[in-house]
Amino acid sequence: MSGDRLLQTGRPPPWAVAWGEDRHGVFAEMAVGRVRQRMRWMPSSRFKMGSPTDEAGRYEREGPQHEVVLTKGFWLGDTPVTQALWTAVMEENPSRFTHPQRPVERVSWADGQRFCERISTRAPGAPVRLPTEAEWEYACRAGTTAPTWLEGWAILGRNNAPVLDSIAWYGGNSGMDFDLEQGEGSGGWPEKQHPHQRAGTRVVGQKEPNPWGLYDMLGNVYEWCSDTHEPYSESVRTDPVGTQGSRRVVRGGSWLSNARYVRAAYRSANHPSGRDDYLGFRLARGPSAPEAG
C-alpha cells in the first residue's frame, strides 16, 4: 500500500488533524474533542471473496468464492470504535465491559448508523459510515488469501487455533489475565488454547495488526457492516452492497467465538436492532483519497 507514495504529492483530507505514512501505508487521524481515531487508506483493487471448499471450519454460506472489484479506495479505522470515541460523540456508554480503550459493544446496527450521522457533523468531509461487507473482507485479508493474514491455519480444538493467538482475542485466549471484575464465566468453555475462568472484550490494539495496519479485524468484537446478508454467486461483482432483506452482516468473530468463526471469510448476520456484548463496529470514510497537491 505504501507503494502509492501518496504523501509525496498529496495533502491530507479536510477532516484530518494529523497524517503520515509508515510501513503499513498511509494514515490520517480524525478527532472528536480529545479523542482521536486513526484511519488507514485502502486503495481500489480486486480480490477473491469467500472461502475455498477445502478451508478448515468453512460454512456453505461463505461460497462460492468469487472475484470482487472495488473501484474506489476508502479510509478504514485501524481499530474498532472505542468506548472513549463513542462516549465523546454520543455522551453515554452502553457497554458491559467498561473501559475507555475497549471496543464499544451492546450497540445495534441502527445505533451505529446514528453514531455515523452524528460524528459526520463533528468531523466534516467525506461521510463517516459502516464499511460494506466486501470492503471489510478486502481490508481484513490485506492482500492475503489464507483464512487469516498469517499462514499455518489449523483448528486443533473448538477454541484452539494456534495461529490466532498473536492476532485475535477469541474463545481460546480472551480470558488470559482478564483485568475486569465483571466477566463472562469461561471455565467450562471446551478445548481452549489457554486456560481461563473469566473472559470478555480487551483493550484494542494489543494484538499484532494485519499487513495494512488494522488491529482487531478478527476477534474482540464482531463488526457490523452496512449490507444486508445475501447469498454469493460465482459471477464477478463490482462494488457489491447487499440490499435485500433486513438482517445486517456482522464479521470478524469476537472474544467468545469458537476458532472457526475467527476467519476472514466467516459471515453471519443479525437483526439491525440487535445488541449484545460481542457486537461493535469499525468506521469507514470515503471514497475520498488524499488530494493531489
C-alpha atoms as a PDB file:
ATOM      1  CA  MET A   1       0.000   0.000   0.000  1.00  0.00           C
ATOM      2  CA  SER A   2       2.867   2.386   0.672  1.00  0.00           C
ATOM      3  CA  GLY A   3       3.858   1.975  -2.998  1.00  0.00           C
ATOM      4  CA  ASP A   4       1.272   4.610  -3.907  1.00  0.00           C
ATOM      5  CA  ARG A   5       3.576   7.176  -2.275  1.00  0.00           C
ATOM      6  CA  LEU A   6       0.559   9.383  -1.759  1.00  0.00           C
ATOM      7  CA  LEU A   7       2.389  11.684   0.630  1.00  0.00           C
ATOM      8  CA  GLN A   8       4.937  12.768  -1.957  1.00  0.00           C
ATOM      9  CA  THR A   9       2.374  14.720  -3.965  1.00  0.00           C
ATOM     10  CA  GLY A  10      -0.705  14.809  -1.739  1.00  0.00           C
ATOM     11  CA  ARG A  11      -2.192  16.762   1.099  1.00  0.00           C
ATOM     12  CA  PRO A  12      -4.438  15.499   3.890  1.00  0.00           C
ATOM     13  CA  PRO A  13      -8.212  15.169   3.593  1.00  0.00           C
ATOM     14  CA  PRO A  14     -10.106  18.098   5.156  1.00  0.00           C
ATOM     15  CA  TRP A  15     -11.131  16.123   8.252  1.00  0.00           C
ATOM     16  CA  ALA A  16      -7.589  15.040   9.174  1.00  0.00           C
ATOM     17  CA  VAL A  17      -5.882  16.541  12.229  1.00  0.00           C
ATOM     18  CA  ALA A  18      -2.714  14.545  11.501  1.00  0.00           C
ATOM     19  CA  TRP A  19      -1.473  12.197   8.832  1.00  0.00           C
ATOM     20  CA  GLY A  20       1.583  10.348   7.674  1.00  0.00           C
ATOM     21  CA  GLU A  21       2.966   7.176   6.186  1.00  0.00           C
ATOM     22  CA  ASP A  22       4.606   4.169   7.816  1.00  0.00           C
ATOM     23  CA  ARG A  23       5.461   0.599   6.876  1.00  0.00           C
ATOM     24  CA  HIS A  24       1.737  -0.250   6.664  1.00  0.00           C
ATOM     25  CA  GLY A  25       0.836   2.626   4.343  1.00  0.00           C
ATOM     26  CA  VAL A  26      -0.887   5.998   4.520  1.00  0.00           C
ATOM     27  CA  PHE A  27      -2.890   7.026   7.578  1.00  0.00           C
ATOM     28  CA  ALA A  28      -4.872  10.063   8.703  1.00  0.00           C
ATOM     29  CA  GLU A  29      -6.398  10.879  12.077  1.00  0.00           C
ATOM     30  CA  MET A  30      -9.805  12.337  12.847  1.00  0.00           C
ATOM     31  CA  ALA A  31     -10.665  13.861  16.206  1.00  0.00           C
ATOM     32  CA  VAL A  32     -13.701  14.421  18.384  1.00  0.00           C
ATOM     33  CA  GLY A  33     -12.608  16.599  21.270  1.00  0.00           C
ATOM     34  CA  ARG A  34      -9.533  14.943  22.742  1.00  0.00           C
ATOM     35  CA  VAL A  35     -10.304  11.518  21.273  1.00  0.00           C
ATOM     36  CA  ARG A  36      -8.601  10.519  18.058  1.00  0.00           C
ATOM     37  CA  GLN A  37      -9.279   7.721  15.597  1.00  0.00           C
ATOM     38  CA  ARG A  38      -6.577   6.704  13.146  1.00  0.00           C
ATOM     39  CA  MET A  39      -7.848   5.809   9.680  1.00  0.00           C
ATOM     40  CA  ARG A  40      -5.945   3.733   7.124  1.00  0.00           C
ATOM     41  CA  TRP A  41      -6.168   4.230   3.372  1.00  0.00           C
ATOM     42  CA  MET A  42      -7.433   1.180   1.458  1.00  0.00           C
ATOM     43  CA  PRO A  43      -6.721   1.638  -2.285  1.00  0.00           C
ATOM     44  CA  SER A  44      -9.034   0.354  -5.005  1.00  0.00           C
ATOM     45  CA  SER A  45      -8.271  -3.181  -6.172  1.00  0.00           C
ATOM     46  CA  ARG A  46      -9.774  -6.624  -6.745  1.00  0.00           C
ATOM     47  CA  PHE A  47      -9.691  -9.765  -4.615  1.00  0.00           C
ATOM     48  CA  LYS A  48     -11.205 -13.206  -4.130  1.00  0.00           C
ATOM     49  CA  MET A  49     -14.096 -13.020  -1.651  1.00  0.00           C
ATOM     50  CA  GLY A  50     -15.336 -16.024   0.306  1.00  0.00           C
ATOM     51  CA  SER A  51     -13.621 -19.287   1.210  1.00  0.00           C
ATOM     52  CA  PRO A  52     -12.485 -22.245  -0.898  1.00  0.00           C
ATOM     53  CA  THR A  53     -14.352 -25.502  -0.355  1.00  0.00           C
ATOM     54  CA  ASP A  54     -11.408 -27.126   1.465  1.00  0.00           C
ATOM     55  CA  GLU A  55     -10.912 -24.392   4.098  1.00  0.00           C
ATOM     56  CA  ALA A  56     -10.979 -25.837   7.629  1.00  0.00           C
ATOM     57  CA  GLY A  57     -14.003 -24.563   9.558  1.00  0.00           C
ATOM     58  CA  ARG A  58     -15.808 -23.362   6.429  1.00  0.00           C
ATOM     59  CA  TYR A  59     -19.576 -22.828   6.233  1.00  0.00           C
ATOM     60  CA  GLU A  60     -21.502 -23.225   2.980  1.00  0.00           C
ATOM     61  CA  ARG A  61     -22.673 -19.594   3.076  1.00  0.00           C
ATOM     62  CA  GLU A  62     -19.067 -18.462   2.573  1.00  0.00           C
ATOM     63  CA  GLY A  63     -19.178 -19.632  -1.027  1.00  0.00           C
ATOM     64  CA  PRO A  64     -18.913 -19.781  -3.871  1.00  0.00           C
ATOM     65  CA  GLN A  65     -15.630 -17.928  -3.783  1.00  0.00           C
ATOM     66  CA  HIS A  66     -15.821 -15.149  -6.359  1.00  0.00           C
ATOM     67  CA  GLU A  67     -13.927 -12.136  -7.637  1.00  0.00           C
ATOM     68  CA  VAL A  68     -14.839  -8.684  -6.338  1.00  0.00           C
ATOM     69  CA  VAL A  69     -13.714  -5.398  -7.886  1.00  0.00           C
ATOM     70  CA  LEU A  70     -13.589  -2.329  -5.652  1.00  0.00           C
ATOM     71  CA  THR A  71     -13.335   0.648  -7.970  1.00  0.00           C
ATOM     72  CA  LYS A  72     -12.753   3.300  -5.306  1.00  0.00           C
ATOM     73  CA  GLY A  73     -10.407   3.482  -2.354  1.00  0.00           C
ATOM     74  CA  PHE A  74     -11.656   4.285   1.136  1.00  0.00           C
ATOM     75  CA  TRP A  75     -10.475   5.019   4.668  1.00  0.00           C
ATOM     76  CA  LEU A  76     -10.985   2.459   7.445  1.00  0.00           C
ATOM     77  CA  GLY A  77     -10.451   2.784  11.186  1.00  0.00           C
ATOM     78  CA  ASP A  78      -7.351   0.996  12.411  1.00  0.00           C
ATOM     79  CA  THR A  79      -9.326  -0.271  15.440  1.00  0.00           C
ATOM     80  CA  PRO A  80     -12.970  -0.855  16.265  1.00  0.00           C
ATOM     81  CA  VAL A  81     -14.721   2.211  17.678  1.00  0.00           C
ATOM     82  CA  THR A  82     -13.659   2.530  21.314  1.00  0.00           C
ATOM     83  CA  GLN A  83     -15.844   3.428  24.251  1.00  0.00           C
ATOM     84  CA  ALA A  84     -13.911   6.701  24.523  1.00  0.00           C
ATOM     85  CA  LEU A  85     -14.847   7.714  20.972  1.00  0.00           C
ATOM     86  CA  TRP A  86     -18.433   6.524  21.334  1.00  0.00           C
ATOM     87  CA  THR A  87     -18.859   8.494  24.559  1.00  0.00           C
ATOM     88  CA  ALA A  88     -17.311  11.632  23.058  1.00  0.00           C
ATOM     89  CA  VAL A  89     -19.933  11.536  20.313  1.00  0.00           C
ATOM     90  CA  MET A  90     -22.999  10.023  21.995  1.00  0.00           C
ATOM     91  CA  GLU A  91     -22.432  11.163  25.631  1.00  0.00           C
ATOM     92  CA  GLU A  92     -23.317   7.743  27.081  1.00  0.00           C
ATOM     93  CA  ASN A  93     -21.795   4.265  27.150  1.00  0.00           C
ATOM     94  CA  PRO A  94     -23.909   1.115  26.705  1.00  0.00           C
ATOM     95  CA  SER A  95     -21.017  -1.333  27.097  1.00  0.00           C
ATOM     96  CA  ARG A  96     -20.859  -4.242  29.523  1.00  0.00           C
ATOM     97  CA  PHE A  97     -17.049  -4.367  29.732  1.00  0.00           C
ATOM     98  CA  THR A  98     -16.390  -0.748  30.584  1.00  0.00           C
ATOM     99  CA  HIS A  99     -13.021   0.800  29.786  1.00  0.00           C
ATOM    100  CA  PRO A 100     -12.330   3.783  27.502  1.00  0.00           C
ATOM    101  CA  GLN A 101      -9.959   1.828  25.265  1.00  0.00           C
ATOM    102  CA  ARG A 102     -12.071  -1.296  24.968  1.00  0.00           C
ATOM    103  CA  PRO A 103     -14.371  -1.519  21.949  1.00  0.00           C
ATOM    104  CA  VAL A 104     -17.868  -0.191  22.427  1.00  0.00           C
ATOM    105  CA  GLU A 105     -20.396  -3.056  22.455  1.00  0.00           C
ATOM    106  CA  ARG A 106     -24.071  -3.619  23.041  1.00  0.00           C
ATOM    107  CA  VAL A 107     -24.670  -1.352  20.042  1.00  0.00           C
ATOM    108  CA  SER A 108     -27.064  -2.215  17.236  1.00  0.00           C
ATOM    109  CA  TRP A 109     -26.626  -1.596  13.526  1.00  0.00           C
ATOM    110  CA  ALA A 110     -29.142   1.218  13.903  1.00  0.00           C
ATOM    111  CA  ASP A 111     -27.077   2.661  16.784  1.00  0.00           C
ATOM    112  CA  GLY A 112     -24.024   2.567  14.530  1.00  0.00           C
ATOM    113  CA  GLN A 113     -25.897   4.480  11.846  1.00  0.00           C
ATOM    114  CA  ARG A 114     -26.859   7.184  14.340  1.00  0.00           C
ATOM    115  CA  PHE A 115     -23.265   7.401  15.545  1.00  0.00           C
ATOM    116  CA  CYS A 116     -22.003   7.825  11.981  1.00  0.00           C
ATOM    117  CA  GLU A 117     -24.520  10.563  11.278  1.00  0.00           C
ATOM    118  CA  ARG A 118     -23.564  12.443  14.423  1.00  0.00           C
ATOM    119  CA  ILE A 119     -19.796  12.127  14.060  1.00  0.00           C
ATOM    120  CA  SER A 120     -20.021  13.270  10.433  1.00  0.00           C
ATOM    121  CA  THR A 121     -21.225  16.636  11.691  1.00  0.00           C
ATOM    122  CA  ARG A 122     -18.308  16.840  14.154  1.00  0.00           C
ATOM    123  CA  ALA A 123     -15.580  15.905  11.652  1.00  0.00           C
ATOM    124  CA  PRO A 124     -16.764  17.274   8.285  1.00  0.00           C
ATOM    125  CA  GLY A 125     -15.588  15.944   4.972  1.00  0.00           C
ATOM    126  CA  ALA A 126     -16.329  12.602   3.371  1.00  0.00           C
ATOM    127  CA  PRO A 127     -19.233  10.998   5.273  1.00  0.00           C
ATOM    128  CA  VAL A 128     -18.430   8.564   8.068  1.00  0.00           C
ATOM    129  CA  ARG A 129     -20.178   5.216   7.555  1.00  0.00           C
ATOM    130  CA  LEU A 130     -20.050   1.484   8.144  1.00  0.00           C
ATOM    131  CA  PRO A 131     -17.920  -0.460   5.663  1.00  0.00           C
ATOM    132  CA  THR A 132     -19.579  -2.718   3.143  1.00  0.00           C
ATOM    133  CA  GLU A 133     -19.087  -6.454   3.617  1.00  0.00           C
ATOM    134  CA  ALA A 134     -16.787  -6.580   0.587  1.00  0.00           C
ATOM    135  CA  GLU A 135     -14.707  -3.657   1.866  1.00  0.00           C
ATOM    136  CA  TRP A 136     -14.454  -5.349   5.258  1.00  0.00           C
ATOM    137  CA  GLU A 137     -13.174  -8.669   3.884  1.00  0.00           C
ATOM    138  CA  TYR A 138     -10.806  -6.946   1.461  1.00  0.00           C
ATOM    139  CA  ALA A 139      -9.295  -4.926   4.309  1.00  0.00           C
ATOM    140  CA  CYS A 140      -9.124  -7.927   6.636  1.00  0.00           C
ATOM    141  CA  ARG A 141      -7.299 -10.054   4.078  1.00  0.00           C
ATOM    142  CA  ALA A 142      -4.819  -7.239   3.305  1.00  0.00           C
ATOM    143  CA  GLY A 143      -3.686  -8.897   0.096  1.00  0.00           C
ATOM    144  CA  THR A 144      -3.539 -12.427   1.527  1.00  0.00           C
ATOM    145  CA  THR A 145      -5.657 -15.471   0.645  1.00  0.00           C
ATOM    146  CA  ALA A 146      -5.472 -17.757   3.713  1.00  0.00           C
ATOM    147  CA  PRO A 147      -8.168 -17.959   6.455  1.00  0.00           C
ATOM    148  CA  THR A 148      -6.236 -15.248   8.302  1.00  0.00           C
ATOM    149  CA  TRP A 149      -3.431 -12.985   7.102  1.00  0.00           C
ATOM    150  CA  LEU A 150      -0.969 -15.410   8.726  1.00  0.00           C
ATOM    151  CA  GLU A 151      -0.141 -18.785   7.228  1.00  0.00           C
ATOM    152  CA  GLY A 152      -0.474 -22.016   9.200  1.00  0.00           C
ATOM    153  CA  TRP A 153      -4.229 -22.205   9.803  1.00  0.00           C
ATOM    154  CA  ALA A 154      -5.276 -25.325  11.704  1.00  0.00           C
ATOM    155  CA  ILE A 155      -8.124 -25.981  14.145  1.00  0.00           C
ATOM    156  CA  LEU A 156      -6.864 -28.213  16.969  1.00  0.00           C
ATOM    157  CA  GLY A 157      -9.960 -27.829  19.143  1.00  0.00           C
ATOM    158  CA  ARG A 158     -13.202 -25.907  19.360  1.00  0.00           C
ATOM    159  CA  ASN A 159     -11.412 -22.944  20.938  1.00  0.00           C
ATOM    160  CA  ASN A 160      -7.922 -23.706  19.741  1.00  0.00           C
ATOM    161  CA  ALA A 161      -6.425 -22.385  16.510  1.00  0.00           C
ATOM    162  CA  PRO A 162      -2.802 -21.571  17.415  1.00  0.00           C
ATOM    163  CA  VAL A 163      -2.298 -19.060  14.596  1.00  0.00           C
ATOM    164  CA  LEU A 164      -4.945 -16.797  16.174  1.00  0.00           C
ATOM    165  CA  ASP A 165      -3.055 -16.279  19.423  1.00  0.00           C
ATOM    166  CA  SER A 166      -0.902 -13.407  18.179  1.00  0.00           C
ATOM    167  CA  ILE A 167      -3.604 -11.580  16.196  1.00  0.00           C
ATOM    168  CA  ALA A 168      -7.023 -12.075  17.825  1.00  0.00           C
ATOM    169  CA  TRP A 169      -8.903 -12.221  21.125  1.00  0.00           C
ATOM    170  CA  TYR A 170     -11.240 -15.206  20.788  1.00  0.00           C
ATOM    171  CA  GLY A 171     -12.634 -18.038  22.901  1.00  0.00           C
ATOM    172  CA  GLY A 172      -9.227 -19.652  23.196  1.00  0.00           C
ATOM    173  CA  ASN A 173      -7.418 -16.727  24.852  1.00  0.00           C
ATOM    174  CA  SER A 174      -9.799 -13.843  25.712  1.00  0.00           C
ATOM    175  CA  GLY A 175      -9.754 -14.648  29.428  1.00  0.00           C
ATOM    176  CA  MET A 176      -5.988 -14.787  29.882  1.00  0.00           C
ATOM    177  CA  ASP A 177      -5.086 -12.370  32.731  1.00  0.00           C
ATOM    178  CA  PHE A 178      -8.546 -10.823  32.426  1.00  0.00           C
ATOM    179  CA  ASP A 179      -8.455  -7.467  34.182  1.00  0.00           C
ATOM    180  CA  LEU A 180     -12.079  -6.536  34.959  1.00  0.00           C
ATOM    181  CA  GLU A 181     -14.193  -7.692  37.889  1.00  0.00           C
ATOM    182  CA  GLN A 182     -17.157  -8.225  35.608  1.00  0.00           C
ATOM    183  CA  GLY A 183     -16.548 -11.030  33.154  1.00  0.00           C
ATOM    184  CA  GLU A 184     -18.220 -13.961  31.487  1.00  0.00           C
ATOM    185  CA  GLY A 185     -17.554 -17.289  33.187  1.00  0.00           C
ATOM    186  CA  SER A 186     -15.350 -19.188  30.754  1.00  0.00           C
ATOM    187  CA  GLY A 187     -14.066 -22.076  32.842  1.00  0.00           C
ATOM    188  CA  GLY A 188     -16.360 -24.523  31.081  1.00  0.00           C
ATOM    189  CA  TRP A 189     -15.563 -23.475  27.524  1.00  0.00           C
ATOM    190  CA  PRO A 190     -14.250 -26.602  25.762  1.00  0.00           C
ATOM    191  CA  GLU A 191     -10.843 -27.182  24.211  1.00  0.00           C
ATOM    192  CA  LYS A 192      -9.378 -23.758  24.976  1.00  0.00           C
ATOM    193  CA  GLN A 193      -5.947 -22.820  23.664  1.00  0.00           C
ATOM    194  CA  HIS A 194      -5.148 -21.379  27.102  1.00  0.00           C
ATOM    195  CA  PRO A 195      -6.863 -21.968  30.471  1.00  0.00           C
ATOM    196  CA  HIS A 196      -9.005 -19.112  31.791  1.00  0.00           C
ATOM    197  CA  GLN A 197     -12.006 -18.613  34.076  1.00  0.00           C
ATOM    198  CA  ARG A 198     -13.438 -15.174  33.139  1.00  0.00           C
ATOM    199  CA  ALA A 199     -13.450 -13.556  29.728  1.00  0.00           C
ATOM    200  CA  GLY A 200     -14.666 -10.502  27.834  1.00  0.00           C
ATOM    201  CA  THR A 201     -13.522  -7.799  25.458  1.00  0.00           C
ATOM    202  CA  ARG A 202      -9.973  -6.482  25.618  1.00  0.00           C
ATOM    203  CA  VAL A 203      -8.265  -3.114  25.079  1.00  0.00           C
ATOM    204  CA  VAL A 204      -7.943  -2.530  21.340  1.00  0.00           C
ATOM    205  CA  GLY A 205      -4.623  -2.713  19.539  1.00  0.00           C
ATOM    206  CA  GLN A 206      -2.870  -5.208  21.819  1.00  0.00           C
ATOM    207  CA  LYS A 207      -2.568  -7.958  19.230  1.00  0.00           C
ATOM    208  CA  GLU A 208      -0.484  -7.726  16.063  1.00  0.00           C
ATOM    209  CA  PRO A 209      -2.037  -5.746  13.189  1.00  0.00           C
ATOM    210  CA  ASN A 210      -2.585  -7.144   9.727  1.00  0.00           C
ATOM    211  CA  PRO A 211      -0.204  -6.087   6.914  1.00  0.00           C
ATOM    212  CA  TRP A 212      -2.240  -2.930   6.296  1.00  0.00           C
ATOM    213  CA  GLY A 213      -2.023  -1.743   9.899  1.00  0.00           C
ATOM    214  CA  LEU A 214      -5.519  -2.781  11.046  1.00  0.00           C
ATOM    215  CA  TYR A 215      -5.934  -4.134  14.586  1.00  0.00           C
ATOM    216  CA  ASP A 216      -8.607  -6.493  15.911  1.00  0.00           C
ATOM    217  CA  MET A 217     -10.079  -7.234  12.487  1.00  0.00           C
ATOM    218  CA  LEU A 218     -10.503 -10.735  13.865  1.00  0.00           C
ATOM    219  CA  GLY A 219     -11.806 -11.333  17.381  1.00  0.00           C
ATOM    220  CA  ASN A 220     -12.574  -8.919  20.252  1.00  0.00           C
ATOM    221  CA  VAL A 221     -15.986  -7.822  18.872  1.00  0.00           C
ATOM    222  CA  TYR A 222     -17.979  -8.715  15.801  1.00  0.00           C
ATOM    223  CA  GLU A 223     -18.231  -5.726  13.487  1.00  0.00           C
ATOM    224  CA  TRP A 224     -21.395  -4.522  11.778  1.00  0.00           C
ATOM    225  CA  CYS A 225     -21.263  -3.972   8.025  1.00  0.00           C
ATOM    226  CA  SER A 226     -23.667  -1.804   6.052  1.00  0.00           C
ATOM    227  CA  ASP A 227     -25.038  -4.652   3.893  1.00  0.00           C
ATOM    228  CA  THR A 228     -27.940  -6.985   4.252  1.00  0.00           C
ATOM    229  CA  HIS A 229     -26.983 -10.673   4.205  1.00  0.00           C
ATOM    230  CA  GLU A 230     -27.327 -12.084   0.696  1.00  0.00           C
ATOM    231  CA  PRO A 231     -26.107 -15.357  -0.871  1.00  0.00           C
ATOM    232  CA  TYR A 232     -22.986 -15.252  -3.029  1.00  0.00           C
ATOM    233  CA  SER A 233     -22.806 -16.135  -6.720  1.00  0.00           C
ATOM    234  CA  GLU A 234     -19.865 -17.155  -8.914  1.00  0.00           C
ATOM    235  CA  SER A 235     -20.029 -14.019 -11.067  1.00  0.00           C
ATOM    236  CA  VAL A 236     -17.594 -11.136 -10.766  1.00  0.00           C
ATOM    237  CA  ARG A 237     -19.094  -8.401  -8.574  1.00  0.00           C
ATOM    238  CA  THR A 238     -18.214  -4.715  -8.767  1.00  0.00           C
ATOM    239  CA  ASP A 239     -18.624  -2.609  -5.618  1.00  0.00           C
ATOM    240  CA  PRO A 240     -21.250  -5.010  -4.226  1.00  0.00           C
ATOM    241  CA  VAL A 241     -23.677  -3.946  -1.485  1.00  0.00           C
ATOM    242  CA  GLY A 242     -26.377  -6.265  -0.158  1.00  0.00           C
ATOM    243  CA  THR A 243     -29.798  -4.610  -0.221  1.00  0.00           C
ATOM    244  CA  GLN A 244     -32.292  -7.494   0.013  1.00  0.00           C
ATOM    245  CA  GLY A 245     -33.903  -8.477   3.312  1.00  0.00           C
ATOM    246  CA  SER A 246     -33.426  -6.933   6.729  1.00  0.00           C
ATOM    247  CA  ARG A 247     -30.655  -8.853   8.535  1.00  0.00           C
ATOM    248  CA  ARG A 248     -27.330  -6.995   8.529  1.00  0.00           C
ATOM    249  CA  VAL A 249     -23.935  -8.621   8.095  1.00  0.00           C
ATOM    250  CA  VAL A 250     -21.533  -8.991  11.018  1.00  0.00           C
ATOM    251  CA  ARG A 251     -17.918 -10.018  10.522  1.00  0.00           C
ATOM    252  CA  GLY A 252     -14.721 -10.990  12.279  1.00  0.00           C
ATOM    253  CA  GLY A 253     -15.702 -13.122  15.279  1.00  0.00           C
ATOM    254  CA  SER A 254     -15.423 -12.000  18.889  1.00  0.00           C
ATOM    255  CA  TRP A 255     -13.990 -12.629  22.348  1.00  0.00           C
ATOM    256  CA  LEU A 256     -16.334 -15.607  22.903  1.00  0.00           C
ATOM    257  CA  SER A 257     -16.151 -17.079  19.397  1.00  0.00           C
ATOM    258  CA  ASN A 258     -15.042 -20.579  18.552  1.00  0.00           C
ATOM    259  CA  ALA A 259     -11.966 -20.725  16.344  1.00  0.00           C
ATOM    260  CA  ARG A 260     -13.868 -21.440  13.118  1.00  0.00           C
ATOM    261  CA  TYR A 261     -15.709 -18.103  13.389  1.00  0.00           C
ATOM    262  CA  VAL A 262     -12.483 -16.087  13.533  1.00  0.00           C
ATOM    263  CA  ARG A 263     -11.577 -16.176   9.849  1.00  0.00           C
ATOM    264  CA  ALA A 264     -11.573 -13.564   7.079  1.00  0.00           C
ATOM    265  CA  ALA A 265     -14.345 -15.331   5.137  1.00  0.00           C
ATOM    266  CA  TYR A 266     -16.713 -16.139   8.008  1.00  0.00           C
ATOM    267  CA  ARG A 267     -20.005 -14.248   7.709  1.00  0.00           C
ATOM    268  CA  SER A 268     -23.080 -14.026   9.868  1.00  0.00           C
ATOM    269  CA  ALA A 269     -25.988 -11.604  10.290  1.00  0.00           C
ATOM    270  CA  ASN A 270     -28.172 -10.023  12.971  1.00  0.00           C
ATOM    271  CA  HIS A 271     -31.354  -8.026  13.045  1.00  0.00           C
ATOM    272  CA  PRO A 272     -30.424  -4.311  12.786  1.00  0.00           C
ATOM    273  CA  SER A 273     -31.885  -3.657  16.243  1.00  0.00           C
ATOM    274  CA  GLY A 274     -29.861  -6.452  17.862  1.00  0.00           C
ATOM    275  CA  ARG A 275     -27.484  -5.568  20.690  1.00  0.00           C
ATOM    276  CA  ASP A 276     -25.069  -7.807  22.556  1.00  0.00           C
ATOM    277  CA  ASP A 277     -21.780  -7.633  24.427  1.00  0.00           C
ATOM    278  CA  TYR A 278     -19.903  -9.112  21.467  1.00  0.00           C
ATOM    279  CA  LEU A 279     -21.232  -6.643  18.832  1.00  0.00           C
ATOM    280  CA  GLY A 280     -19.382  -3.468  17.841  1.00  0.00           C
ATOM    281  CA  PHE A 281     -18.279  -1.763  14.644  1.00  0.00           C
ATOM    282  CA  ARG A 282     -15.496  -0.002  12.778  1.00  0.00           C
ATOM    283  CA  LEU A 283     -15.649   3.275  10.862  1.00  0.00           C
ATOM    284  CA  ALA A 284     -15.149   3.824   7.152  1.00  0.00           C
ATOM    285  CA  ARG A 285     -14.866   7.136   5.316  1.00  0.00           C
ATOM    286  CA  GLY A 286     -14.987   7.888   1.662  1.00  0.00           C
ATOM    287  CA  PRO A 287     -14.331   7.191  -1.022  1.00  0.00           C
ATOM    288  CA  SER A 288     -12.093  10.213  -0.546  1.00  0.00           C
ATOM    289  CA  ALA A 289      -8.409   9.779  -1.404  1.00  0.00           C
ATOM    290  CA  PRO A 290      -5.716  12.206  -0.283  1.00  0.00           C
ATOM    291  CA  GLU A 291      -5.941  15.104  -2.732  1.00  0.00           C
ATOM    292  CA  ALA A 292      -3.202  15.781  -5.242  1.00  0.00           C
ATOM    293  CA  GLY A 293      -1.083  18.806  -4.472  1.00  0.00           C
END
